[in-house]
C-alpha atoms as a PDB file:
ATOM      1  CA  MET A   1       0.116  -0.114   0.362  1.00  0.00           C
ATOM      2  CA  ILE A   2       2.780   2.260   0.889  1.00  0.00           C
ATOM      3  CA  LEU A   3       5.090   1.986  -2.550  1.00  0.00           C
ATOM      4  CA  GLU A   4       1.858   1.938  -4.746  1.00  0.00           C
ATOM      5  CA  ASN A   5       0.430   5.305  -2.382  1.00  0.00           C
ATOM      6  CA  MET A   6       3.919   6.587  -2.800  1.00  0.00           C
ATOM      7  CA  SER A   7       3.989   5.467  -6.936  1.00  0.00           C
ATOM      8  CA  ASN A   8       0.406   7.465  -6.824  1.00  0.00           C
ATOM      9  CA  ASN A   9       1.838  10.301  -5.989  1.00  0.00           C
ATOM     10  CA  LEU A  10       4.255  10.336  -8.607  1.00  0.00           C
ATOM     11  CA  GLU A  11       1.753  10.053 -11.282  1.00  0.00           C
ATOM     12  CA  GLU A  12      -0.014  12.911  -9.964  1.00  0.00           C
ATOM     13  CA  ARG A  13       3.529  15.269 -10.060  1.00  0.00           C
ATOM     14  CA  TYR A  14       4.097  14.047 -13.336  1.00  0.00           C
ATOM     15  CA  SER A  15       1.633  16.359 -14.553  1.00  0.00           C
ATOM     16  CA  SER A  16       4.239  19.065 -14.203  1.00  0.00           C
ATOM     17  CA  ASN A  17       6.815  20.511 -16.752  1.00  0.00           C
ATOM     18  CA  GLY A  18       9.404  19.997 -14.053  1.00  0.00           C
ATOM     19  CA  ALA A  19       8.560  15.884 -13.644  1.00  0.00           C
ATOM     20  CA  LYS A  20       8.006  15.784 -17.822  1.00  0.00           C
ATOM     21  CA  TYR A  21      11.939  16.909 -18.411  1.00  0.00           C
ATOM     22  CA  LEU A  22      13.060  14.061 -15.326  1.00  0.00           C
ATOM     23  CA  ALA A  23      10.686  11.292 -17.322  1.00  0.00           C
ATOM     24  CA  GLN A  24      12.327  12.249 -20.724  1.00  0.00           C
ATOM     25  CA  HIS A  25      16.503  12.160 -18.605  1.00  0.00           C
ATOM     26  CA  LYS A  26      16.309  16.064 -19.660  1.00  0.00           C
ATOM     27  CA  TYR A  27      18.188  16.773 -16.645  1.00  0.00           C
ATOM     28  CA  SER A  28      19.680  20.397 -17.223  1.00  0.00           C
ATOM     29  CA  GLU A  29      15.828  21.316 -17.808  1.00  0.00           C
ATOM     30  CA  ALA A  30      14.932  20.423 -14.833  1.00  0.00           C
ATOM     31  CA  ILE A  31      17.372  21.667 -12.698  1.00  0.00           C
ATOM     32  CA  ALA A  32      16.518  24.911 -14.269  1.00  0.00           C
ATOM     33  CA  PHE A  33      12.355  24.364 -14.133  1.00  0.00           C
ATOM     34  CA  TYR A  34      12.923  23.453 -10.350  1.00  0.00           C
ATOM     35  CA  LYS A  35      15.044  26.963  -9.468  1.00  0.00           C
ATOM     36  CA  GLU A  36      12.341  28.894 -11.609  1.00  0.00           C
ATOM     37  CA  SER A  37       9.751  27.011  -9.497  1.00  0.00           C
ATOM     38  CA  ILE A  38      11.676  27.824  -6.017  1.00  0.00           C
ATOM     39  CA  GLU A  39      11.412  31.425  -6.896  1.00  0.00           C
ATOM     40  CA  THR A  40       8.209  32.009  -7.572  1.00  0.00           C
ATOM     41  CA  ASP A  41       6.861  29.872  -4.817  1.00  0.00           C
ATOM     42  CA  PRO A  42       9.887  29.219  -1.730  1.00  0.00           C
ATOM     43  CA  THR A  43       7.354  27.734   0.315  1.00  0.00           C
ATOM     44  CA  LEU A  44       6.870  24.998  -1.932  1.00  0.00           C
ATOM     45  CA  MET A  45       8.628  21.616  -0.452  1.00  0.00           C
ATOM     46  CA  SER A  46       8.369  19.950  -3.205  1.00  0.00           C
ATOM     47  CA  ASN A  47      10.030  21.558  -5.633  1.00  0.00           C
ATOM     48  CA  TYR A  48      13.181  21.388  -3.558  1.00  0.00           C
ATOM     49  CA  SER A  49      13.041  17.277  -3.203  1.00  0.00           C
ATOM     50  CA  TYR A  50      12.456  17.767  -6.775  1.00  0.00           C
ATOM     51  CA  LEU A  51      15.767  19.978  -7.220  1.00  0.00           C
ATOM     52  CA  CYS A  52      17.843  17.827  -5.507  1.00  0.00           C
ATOM     53  CA  LEU A  53      16.478  15.034  -6.876  1.00  0.00           C
ATOM     54  CA  ALA A  54      17.642  16.200 -10.578  1.00  0.00           C
ATOM     55  CA  ARG A  55      20.997  17.611  -9.873  1.00  0.00           C
ATOM     56  CA  LEU A  56      21.325  13.716  -8.290  1.00  0.00           C
ATOM     57  CA  LEU A  57      20.582  12.178 -12.015  1.00  0.00           C
ATOM     58  CA  GLN A  58      22.739  14.867 -13.229  1.00  0.00           C
ATOM     59  CA  GLU A  59      25.601  13.463 -11.158  1.00  0.00           C
ATOM     60  CA  GLN A  60      25.463  16.499  -9.049  1.00  0.00           C
ATOM     61  CA  GLU A  61      25.393  15.018  -5.807  1.00  0.00           C
ATOM     62  CA  SER A  62      27.534  18.600  -3.865  1.00  0.00           C
ATOM     63  CA  GLU A  63      24.810  20.767  -5.343  1.00  0.00           C
ATOM     64  CA  ALA A  64      21.775  18.538  -4.368  1.00  0.00           C
ATOM     65  CA  MET A  65      23.507  17.705  -0.585  1.00  0.00           C
ATOM     66  CA  ALA A  66      23.930  21.571  -0.354  1.00  0.00           C
ATOM     67  CA  THR A  67      19.999  22.065  -1.695  1.00  0.00           C
ATOM     68  CA  TRP A  68      19.071  20.325   0.615  1.00  0.00           C
ATOM     69  CA  LEU A  69      21.502  20.938   4.008  1.00  0.00           C
ATOM     70  CA  SER A  70      20.736  24.746   2.996  1.00  0.00           C
ATOM     71  CA  ILE A  71      16.641  24.114   3.443  1.00  0.00           C
ATOM     72  CA  LEU A  72      17.411  22.728   6.702  1.00  0.00           C
ATOM     73  CA  GLU A  73      19.315  25.381   8.026  1.00  0.00           C
ATOM     74  CA  LYS A  74      16.284  27.378   7.529  1.00  0.00           C
ATOM     75  CA  ALA A  75      13.866  25.086   8.761  1.00  0.00           C
ATOM     76  CA  ASP A  76      12.147  25.397  12.487  1.00  0.00           C
ATOM     77  CA  ILE A  77      12.666  21.607  14.449  1.00  0.00           C
ATOM     78  CA  GLU A  78       9.071  21.179  14.231  1.00  0.00           C
ATOM     79  CA  LYS A  79       9.159  21.420  10.181  1.00  0.00           C
ATOM     80  CA  VAL A  80      12.268  18.919   9.532  1.00  0.00           C
ATOM     81  CA  ASN A  81      10.902  15.598   9.573  1.00  0.00           C
ATOM     82  CA  ALA A  82       7.853  16.514   7.455  1.00  0.00           C
ATOM     83  CA  TRP A  83      10.657  18.158   4.835  1.00  0.00           C
ATOM     84  CA  THR A  84      12.766  15.181   4.955  1.00  0.00           C
ATOM     85  CA  LEU A  85       9.613  12.796   4.571  1.00  0.00           C
ATOM     86  CA  ASP A  86       8.756  14.783   1.394  1.00  0.00           C
ATOM     87  CA  LEU A  87      12.438  14.452   0.196  1.00  0.00           C
ATOM     88  CA  VAL A  88      12.676  10.729   1.135  1.00  0.00           C
ATOM     89  CA  GLU A  89       9.902   9.542  -0.369  1.00  0.00           C
ATOM     90  CA  VAL A  90      10.633  11.035  -3.785  1.00  0.00           C
ATOM     91  CA  LEU A  91      14.392   9.433  -3.721  1.00  0.00           C
ATOM     92  CA  ILE A  92      12.961   6.286  -3.324  1.00  0.00           C
ATOM     93  CA  THR A  93       9.909   6.212  -5.395  1.00  0.00           C
ATOM     94  CA  GLU A  94      12.967   7.099  -8.070  1.00  0.00           C
ATOM     95  CA  ALA A  95      15.263   4.474  -6.842  1.00  0.00           C
ATOM     96  CA  ILE A  96      12.254   2.211  -7.123  1.00  0.00           C
ATOM     97  CA  ARG A  97      11.873   2.893 -10.760  1.00  0.00           C
ATOM     98  CA  CYS A  98      15.910   2.398 -10.926  1.00  0.00           C
ATOM     99  CA  GLU A  99      15.045  -0.762  -9.882  1.00  0.00           C
ATOM    100  CA  GLY A 100      12.205  -1.871 -12.058  1.00  0.00           C
ATOM    101  CA  VAL A 101      14.543  -1.080 -14.961  1.00  0.00           C
ATOM    102  CA  SER A 102      17.658  -2.876 -13.687  1.00  0.00           C
ATOM    103  CA  ASN A 103      19.698  -0.097 -13.187  1.00  0.00           C
ATOM    104  CA  PHE A 104      21.001  -1.217  -9.968  1.00  0.00           C
ATOM    105  CA  ASP A 105      24.566   1.238  -9.255  1.00  0.00           C
ATOM    106  CA  SER A 106      21.293   4.532  -9.759  1.00  0.00           C
ATOM    107  CA  ALA A 107      18.805   2.838  -6.931  1.00  0.00           C
ATOM    108  CA  ARG A 108      22.165   2.399  -4.482  1.00  0.00           C
ATOM    109  CA  LYS A 109      22.862   6.268  -4.827  1.00  0.00           C
ATOM    110  CA  MET A 110      19.065   6.936  -4.306  1.00  0.00           C
ATOM    111  CA  TYR A 111      18.724   4.739  -1.328  1.00  0.00           C
ATOM    112  CA  ARG A 112      21.848   6.295  -0.413  1.00  0.00           C
ATOM    113  CA  TYR A 113      21.326   9.995  -0.228  1.00  0.00           C
ATOM    114  CA  ALA A 114      17.729   9.093   1.058  1.00  0.00           C
ATOM    115  CA  ALA A 115      19.162   7.869   4.459  1.00  0.00           C
ATOM    116  CA  ILE A 116      21.764  10.688   4.336  1.00  0.00           C
ATOM    117  CA  ALA A 117      19.112  13.173   4.739  1.00  0.00           C
ATOM    118  CA  ARG A 118      17.310  11.290   7.303  1.00  0.00           C
ATOM    119  CA  SER A 119      20.229  11.347   9.171  1.00  0.00           C
ATOM    120  CA  GLU A 120      21.080  15.249   8.222  1.00  0.00           C
ATOM    121  CA  ALA A 121      17.452  15.816  10.023  1.00  0.00           C
ATOM    122  CA  TRP A 122      18.298  13.279  12.831  1.00  0.00           C
ATOM    123  CA  LYS A 123      21.755  15.594  13.579  1.00  0.00           C
ATOM    124  CA  LYS A 124      19.176  18.517  13.419  1.00  0.00           C
ATOM    125  CA  VAL A 125      16.272  17.349  15.668  1.00  0.00           C
ATOM    126  CA  LYS A 126      18.176  15.769  17.948  1.00  0.00           C
ATOM    127  CA  GLY A 127      20.940  19.751  18.342  1.00  0.00           C
ATOM    128  CA  TYR A 128      24.112  17.116  17.616  1.00  0.00           C
ATOM    129  CA  LYS A 129      27.215  19.219  16.354  1.00  0.00           C
ATOM    130  CA  PHE A 130      29.545  16.844  14.550  1.00  0.00           C
ATOM    131  CA  THR A 131      32.535  18.436  12.136  1.00  0.00           C
ATOM    132  CA  ASN A 132      32.497  15.800   9.776  1.00  0.00           C
ATOM    133  CA  ASP A 133      29.770  12.948   8.814  1.00  0.00           C
ATOM    134  CA  TRP A 134      32.203   9.897   7.103  1.00  0.00           C
ATOM    135  CA  PHE A 135      28.780   8.114   8.587  1.00  0.00           C
ATOM    136  CA  SER A 136      25.818   8.544   7.239  1.00  0.00           C
ATOM    137  CA  GLN A 137      26.661   6.547   3.895  1.00  0.00           C
ATOM    138  CA  ASN A 138      26.822   3.679   6.229  1.00  0.00           C
ATOM    139  CA  LEU A 139      23.013   3.730   6.690  1.00  0.00           C
ATOM    140  CA  PRO A 140      21.570   1.664   4.137  1.00  0.00           C
ATOM    141  CA  ILE A 141      23.502  -0.996   5.305  1.00  0.00           C
ATOM    142  CA  TRP A 142      23.449  -0.702   8.909  1.00  0.00           C
ATOM    143  CA  GLU A 143      19.395  -0.347   8.346  1.00  0.00           C
ATOM    144  CA  GLN A 144      19.317  -3.873   6.747  1.00  0.00           C
ATOM    145  CA  TYR A 145      21.270  -5.675   8.367  1.00  0.00           C
ATOM    146  CA  LEU A 146      21.605  -4.205  11.893  1.00  0.00           C
ATOM    147  CA  MET A 147      18.127  -3.325  12.948  1.00  0.00           C
ATOM    148  CA  HIS A 148      16.939  -6.764  14.122  1.00  0.00           C
ATOM    149  CA  LEU A 149      18.613  -5.651  17.491  1.00  0.00           C
ATOM    150  CA  ALA A 150      16.555  -2.694  17.728  1.00  0.00           C
ATOM    151  CA  ASN A 151      15.028  -2.577  21.278  1.00  0.00           C
ATOM    152  CA  LYS A 152      16.108  -5.282  21.612  1.00  0.00           C
ATOM    153  CA  PRO A 153      17.243  -6.259  26.156  1.00  0.00           C
ATOM    154  CA  LYS A 154      20.234  -6.391  26.869  1.00  0.00           C
ATOM    155  CA  ILE A 155      21.992  -5.772  23.824  1.00  0.00           C
ATOM    156  CA  ASN A 156      25.845  -4.536  24.254  1.00  0.00           C
ATOM    157  CA  ILE A 157      28.225  -3.182  21.522  1.00  0.00           C
ATOM    158  CA  LEU A 158      31.537  -2.584  21.551  1.00  0.00           C
ATOM    159  CA  GLU A 159      33.008   0.484  19.748  1.00  0.00           C
ATOM    160  CA  ILE A 160      36.417   1.193  18.795  1.00  0.00           C
ATOM    161  CA  GLY A 161      37.886   4.666  17.317  1.00  0.00           C
ATOM    162  CA  SER A 162      34.585   6.751  18.016  1.00  0.00           C
ATOM    163  CA  TRP A 163      35.904  10.136  17.044  1.00  0.00           C
ATOM    164  CA  GLU A 164      32.481  13.008  18.083  1.00  0.00           C
ATOM    165  CA  GLY A 165      30.895   9.754  18.940  1.00  0.00           C
ATOM    166  CA  MET A 166      28.336   9.878  15.250  1.00  0.00           C
ATOM    167  CA  SER A 167      28.075   6.235  15.366  1.00  0.00           C
ATOM    168  CA  ALA A 168      27.359   5.553  18.675  1.00  0.00           C
ATOM    169  CA  CYS A 169      24.823   8.363  18.977  1.00  0.00           C
ATOM    170  CA  TRP A 170      22.912   6.641  16.457  1.00  0.00           C
ATOM    171  CA  LEU A 171      23.386   3.464  18.043  1.00  0.00           C
ATOM    172  CA  LEU A 172      21.947   4.533  21.116  1.00  0.00           C
ATOM    173  CA  ASP A 173      19.058   6.274  18.629  1.00  0.00           C
ATOM    174  CA  HIS A 174      18.046   3.693  16.998  1.00  0.00           C
ATOM    175  CA  ILE A 175      18.936   0.573  18.265  1.00  0.00           C
ATOM    176  CA  LEU A 176      19.803   0.540  21.965  1.00  0.00           C
ATOM    177  CA  THR A 177      16.640   2.004  22.768  1.00  0.00           C
ATOM    178  CA  HIS A 178      15.812  -0.651  25.347  1.00  0.00           C
ATOM    179  CA  GLU A 179      16.676   0.641  28.966  1.00  0.00           C
ATOM    180  CA  SER A 180      19.185  -2.110  29.951  1.00  0.00           C
ATOM    181  CA  SER A 181      21.150  -1.990  26.300  1.00  0.00           C
ATOM    182  CA  ARG A 182      24.545  -0.548  27.018  1.00  0.00           C
ATOM    183  CA  ILE A 183      27.803   0.805  24.244  1.00  0.00           C
ATOM    184  CA  THR A 184      31.181   0.493  24.927  1.00  0.00           C
ATOM    185  CA  CYS A 185      33.706   3.263  23.455  1.00  0.00           C
ATOM    186  CA  ILE A 186      37.298   3.072  23.350  1.00  0.00           C
ATOM    187  CA  ASP A 187      39.234   5.696  22.089  1.00  0.00           C
ATOM    188  CA  THR A 188      42.577   7.158  22.605  1.00  0.00           C
ATOM    189  CA  PHE A 189      40.817  10.421  21.165  1.00  0.00           C
ATOM    190  CA  GLU A 190      44.285  11.437  20.181  1.00  0.00           C
ATOM    191  CA  GLY A 191      43.880  10.997  16.551  1.00  0.00           C
ATOM    192  CA  SER A 192      45.145   8.061  13.864  1.00  0.00           C
ATOM    193  CA  ILE A 193      48.134   8.720  11.604  1.00  0.00           C
ATOM    194  CA  GLU A 194      45.607   9.891   9.178  1.00  0.00           C
ATOM    195  CA  HIS A 195      43.575  12.355  11.150  1.00  0.00           C
ATOM    196  CA  LYS A 196      47.234  13.861  12.121  1.00  0.00           C
ATOM    197  CA  LEU A 197      47.942  14.406   8.288  1.00  0.00           C
ATOM    198  CA  GLU A 198      44.180  15.697   8.223  1.00  0.00           C
ATOM    199  CA  TYR A 199      43.442  17.597  10.764  1.00  0.00           C
ATOM    200  CA  ASN A 200      45.529  20.349  13.487  1.00  0.00           C
ATOM    201  CA  ASN A 201      46.477  19.598  16.824  1.00  0.00           C
ATOM    202  CA  SER A 202      44.094  21.879  18.350  1.00  0.00           C
ATOM    203  CA  TYR A 203      40.678  20.573  16.591  1.00  0.00           C
ATOM    204  CA  ILE A 204      42.165  16.881  17.649  1.00  0.00           C
ATOM    205  CA  LYS A 205      42.807  18.174  21.068  1.00  0.00           C
ATOM    206  CA  SER A 206      38.997  19.028  20.917  1.00  0.00           C
ATOM    207  CA  VAL A 207      37.611  16.024  19.599  1.00  0.00           C
ATOM    208  CA  GLU A 208      36.684  14.112  23.496  1.00  0.00           C
ATOM    209  CA  GLU A 209      35.170  17.577  23.867  1.00  0.00           C
ATOM    210  CA  LYS A 210      32.974  16.874  21.300  1.00  0.00           C
ATOM    211  CA  PHE A 211      32.645  13.139  22.043  1.00  0.00           C
ATOM    212  CA  ASP A 212      30.823  14.261  25.341  1.00  0.00           C
ATOM    213  CA  PHE A 213      28.504  16.952  24.654  1.00  0.00           C
ATOM    214  CA  ASN A 214      27.105  14.280  21.650  1.00  0.00           C
ATOM    215  CA  ILE A 215      26.914  11.687  23.766  1.00  0.00           C
ATOM    216  CA  SER A 216      24.987  14.039  26.567  1.00  0.00           C
ATOM    217  CA  GLN A 217      22.387  15.047  23.731  1.00  0.00           C
ATOM    218  CA  THR A 218      21.402  11.328  23.538  1.00  0.00           C
ATOM    219  CA  GLY A 219      19.613  11.996  26.736  1.00  0.00           C
ATOM    220  CA  VAL A 220      21.041   8.225  27.818  1.00  0.00           C
ATOM    221  CA  PRO A 221      24.603   9.011  28.768  1.00  0.00           C
ATOM    222  CA  GLU A 222      24.573   6.722  31.359  1.00  0.00           C
ATOM    223  CA  LYS A 223      23.619   4.000  28.736  1.00  0.00           C
ATOM    224  CA  VAL A 224      27.837   4.678  27.446  1.00  0.00           C
ATOM    225  CA  THR A 225      31.150   3.826  29.026  1.00  0.00           C
ATOM    226  CA  LYS A 226      33.960   5.898  27.300  1.00  0.00           C
ATOM    227  CA  ILE A 227      37.204   3.993  28.007  1.00  0.00           C
ATOM    228  CA  VAL A 228      40.245   6.948  27.049  1.00  0.00           C
ATOM    229  CA  GLY A 229      43.628   4.506  25.539  1.00  0.00           C
ATOM    230  CA  SER A 230      44.335   1.730  23.028  1.00  0.00           C
ATOM    231  CA  SER A 231      42.206  -0.111  22.114  1.00  0.00           C
ATOM    232  CA  GLN A 232      44.769  -2.970  21.791  1.00  0.00           C
ATOM    233  CA  ASP A 233      45.589  -2.503  25.770  1.00  0.00           C
ATOM    234  CA  VAL A 234      41.682  -2.143  26.316  1.00  0.00           C
ATOM    235  CA  MET A 235      40.468  -5.172  24.732  1.00  0.00           C
ATOM    236  CA  ARG A 236      42.865  -7.207  26.808  1.00  0.00           C
ATOM    237  CA  SER A 237      40.734  -6.621  30.335  1.00  0.00           C
ATOM    238  CA  LEU A 238      36.879  -6.846  28.809  1.00  0.00           C
ATOM    239  CA  PRO A 239      34.582  -9.958  29.497  1.00  0.00           C
ATOM    240  CA  LEU A 240      34.647 -13.004  26.925  1.00  0.00           C
ATOM    241  CA  LYS A 241      31.718 -13.349  24.573  1.00  0.00           C
ATOM    242  CA  ASN A 242      29.918 -10.453  26.201  1.00  0.00           C
ATOM    243  CA  TYR A 243      29.382  -7.863  23.088  1.00  0.00           C
ATOM    244  CA  ASP A 244      26.468  -8.362  20.175  1.00  0.00           C
ATOM    245  CA  MET A 245      28.490  -5.793  18.166  1.00  0.00           C
ATOM    246  CA  LEU A 246      31.618  -5.169  17.880  1.00  0.00           C
ATOM    247  CA  TYR A 247      32.490  -2.048  15.506  1.00  0.00           C
ATOM    248  CA  ILE A 248      36.050  -1.778  14.307  1.00  0.00           C
ATOM    249  CA  ASP A 249      36.767   1.727  13.684  1.00  0.00           C
ATOM    250  CA  GLY A 250      39.783   3.152  15.018  1.00  0.00           C
ATOM    251  CA  SER A 251      43.313   3.182  13.586  1.00  0.00           C
ATOM    252  CA  HIS A 252      43.402   1.795   9.565  1.00  0.00           C
ATOM    253  CA  LEU A 253      47.307   0.775   9.524  1.00  0.00           C
ATOM    254  CA  ALA A 254      46.384  -3.164   8.227  1.00  0.00           C
ATOM    255  CA  SER A 255      48.189  -4.111  11.014  1.00  0.00           C
ATOM    256  CA  ASP A 256      45.910  -2.256  14.117  1.00  0.00           C
ATOM    257  CA  ALA A 257      42.981  -3.250  11.874  1.00  0.00           C
ATOM    258  CA  LEU A 258      43.674  -6.550  12.366  1.00  0.00           C
ATOM    259  CA  THR A 259      45.012  -6.509  15.987  1.00  0.00           C
ATOM    260  CA  ASP A 260      42.351  -5.083  16.931  1.00  0.00           C
ATOM    261  CA  ALA A 261      39.796  -8.158  14.993  1.00  0.00           C
ATOM    262  CA  VAL A 262      41.870 -10.579  16.515  1.00  0.00           C
ATOM    263  CA  LEU A 263      42.022  -9.481  20.705  1.00  0.00           C
ATOM    264  CA  GLY A 264      37.778  -8.949  19.693  1.00  0.00           C
ATOM    265  CA  TRP A 265      37.041 -11.767  17.984  1.00  0.00           C
ATOM    266  CA  GLY A 266      36.907 -13.225  21.858  1.00  0.00           C
ATOM    267  CA  LEU A 267      34.554 -10.485  22.975  1.00  0.00           C
ATOM    268  CA  VAL A 268      31.505 -11.678  20.611  1.00  0.00           C
ATOM    269  CA  LYS A 269      28.945 -13.647  21.332  1.00  0.00           C
ATOM    270  CA  ILE A 270      28.130 -16.769  18.985  1.00  0.00           C
ATOM    271  CA  GLY A 271      25.905 -14.908  16.342  1.00  0.00           C
ATOM    272  CA  GLY A 272      27.226 -11.547  16.538  1.00  0.00           C
ATOM    273  CA  PHE A 273      28.359  -9.214  14.173  1.00  0.00           C
ATOM    274  CA  ILE A 274      31.800  -7.570  13.310  1.00  0.00           C
ATOM    275  CA  VAL A 275      31.425  -4.414  11.210  1.00  0.00           C
ATOM    276  CA  PHE A 276      35.194  -3.095   9.576  1.00  0.00           C
ATOM    277  CA  ASP A 277      34.991   0.179   8.287  1.00  0.00           C
ATOM    278  CA  ASP A 278      37.142   1.346   5.931  1.00  0.00           C
ATOM    279  CA  TYR A 279      37.484  -1.487   3.820  1.00  0.00           C
ATOM    280  CA  ASP A 280      38.733   0.423   1.086  1.00  0.00           C
ATOM    281  CA  TYR A 281      40.973   3.148   2.707  1.00  0.00           C
ATOM    282  CA  LYS A 282      43.863   4.229   1.211  1.00  0.00           C
ATOM    283  CA  PHE A 283      46.682   6.364   2.643  1.00  0.00           C
ATOM    284  CA  PRO A 284      47.683   9.080   1.271  1.00  0.00           C
ATOM    285  CA  ASN A 285      51.405  10.162  -0.869  1.00  0.00           C
ATOM    286  CA  SER A 286      52.640   6.609  -0.054  1.00  0.00           C
ATOM    287  CA  VAL A 287      52.651   7.023   3.766  1.00  0.00           C
ATOM    288  CA  ASP A 288      52.467   3.727   5.125  1.00  0.00           C
ATOM    289  CA  ALA A 289      51.747   1.946   2.121  1.00  0.00           C
ATOM    290  CA  GLY A 290      51.565  -1.316   2.082  1.00  0.00           C
ATOM    291  CA  GLN A 291      49.606  -0.760   5.567  1.00  0.00           C
ATOM    292  CA  GLU A 292      46.281  -0.008   3.583  1.00  0.00           C
ATOM    293  CA  THR A 293      43.010  -0.888   5.857  1.00  0.00           C
ATOM    294  CA  LYS A 294      41.970  -3.931   3.424  1.00  0.00           C
ATOM    295  CA  ILE A 295      45.365  -5.903   4.251  1.00  0.00           C
ATOM    296  CA  GLY A 296      44.544  -6.966   7.589  1.00  0.00           C
ATOM    297  CA  ILE A 297      40.983  -7.595   7.546  1.00  0.00           C
ATOM    298  CA  ASP A 298      41.272  -9.792   4.735  1.00  0.00           C
ATOM    299  CA  ALA A 299      43.789 -11.675   6.503  1.00  0.00           C
ATOM    300  CA  PHE A 300      41.493 -11.433   9.241  1.00  0.00           C
ATOM    301  CA  LEU A 301      38.503 -12.629   6.424  1.00  0.00           C
ATOM    302  CA  LYS A 302      40.976 -15.920   5.461  1.00  0.00           C
ATOM    303  CA  VAL A 303      42.150 -17.552   8.445  1.00  0.00           C
ATOM    304  CA  PHE A 304      38.677 -16.820  10.205  1.00  0.00           C
ATOM    305  CA  CYS A 305      37.031 -18.132   7.147  1.00  0.00           C
ATOM    306  CA  LYS A 306      35.124 -21.265   8.463  1.00  0.00           C
ATOM    307  CA  LYS A 307      34.448 -19.246  11.476  1.00  0.00           C
ATOM    308  CA  ILE A 308      32.553 -16.022   9.832  1.00  0.00           C
ATOM    309  CA  ASN A 309      29.593 -15.532   7.825  1.00  0.00           C
ATOM    310  CA  ILE A 310      30.203 -12.570   5.609  1.00  0.00           C
ATOM    311  CA  ILE A 311      27.003 -10.964   5.307  1.00  0.00           C
ATOM    312  CA  HIS A 312      28.558  -7.664   3.330  1.00  0.00           C
ATOM    313  CA  GLN A 313      31.381  -6.063   1.984  1.00  0.00           C
ATOM    314  CA  GLY A 314      31.945  -2.981   0.517  1.00  0.00           C
ATOM    315  CA  HIS A 315      33.356  -0.034   1.780  1.00  0.00           C
ATOM    316  CA  GLN A 316      31.847  -1.512   5.409  1.00  0.00           C
ATOM    317  CA  VAL A 317      32.463  -5.633   5.773  1.00  0.00           C
ATOM    318  CA  ILE A 318      29.995  -7.295   8.198  1.00  0.00           C
ATOM    319  CA  VAL A 319      30.496 -10.763   9.520  1.00  0.00           C
ATOM    320  CA  GLU A 320      28.404 -12.881  11.595  1.00  0.00           C
ATOM    321  CA  LYS A 321      30.152 -15.239  14.001  1.00  0.00           C
ATOM    322  CA  GLY A 322      29.658 -18.782  13.183  1.00  0.00           C
ATOM    323  CA  VAL A 323      28.224 -21.414  15.924  1.00  0.00           C
ATOM    324  CA  VAL A 324      31.699 -23.211  15.121  1.00  0.00           C
ATOM    325  CA  ALA A 325      33.506 -20.891  16.347  1.00  0.00           C
END
């Protein structure tokens, strides 16, 4: 019924010239049409949603995101979710259309941007303050494979590498919603080698304070155990078979990713998940060449191949700890 309603809504909106341009793949004309429509009536939110869609279809991804973020900045909190729902409906309807013609790459792009739009609305409503967003692109995968853990009692998650806390906050707001569920966050808050190449020292020193602020915004800071230190030292003192999910997003050095995985293996329950981030990360300018994250993750996957089920392998890798562990 939901998909039928979305399809009907799309057909109604396709009566406009802008929608006809979209249907005919005339994306430049569609962009011009919706920009003019916004100038005529800046209060009609569907024009912004379709402008974002047209820009995505025209491969203008940064412009599409800038359009949406500019709207969120101006929106009252009570309007954010309604406006986001409009954009998400447009993007998901396009994703379904793409799937219907076997254009799966475009469908995945639309699903990804729908997830990012929901994430941006979530951050604004909750009042989080994040300097960077490396996380939202993963949400379609997390929503597909991890939502079955949502609101279950006594779910425990271990996170290696928390930075400003975006992934921890998302988990608290969407997965660890039962009062008995908890997350343990391990971070040195000193940055890894790639952070020190990209950011100045004053920013890195502010990261822990930003983490603390964002965790406080969840409203359930008591669910979080923050441990400041090296994961490879801290994990040796944690209880075995205690965690339903281990999220490895610390140092990107192959040796560190592998060590985190091996040390974390015994901490994860049978049937639990290990999620690796940045499988495709490459160090810039030959810094630590031969230590790309993928090398360490692949080594773990090879050695533990008979003890794991690979659930997903892309920018992130998700494995389930098998019963023969």
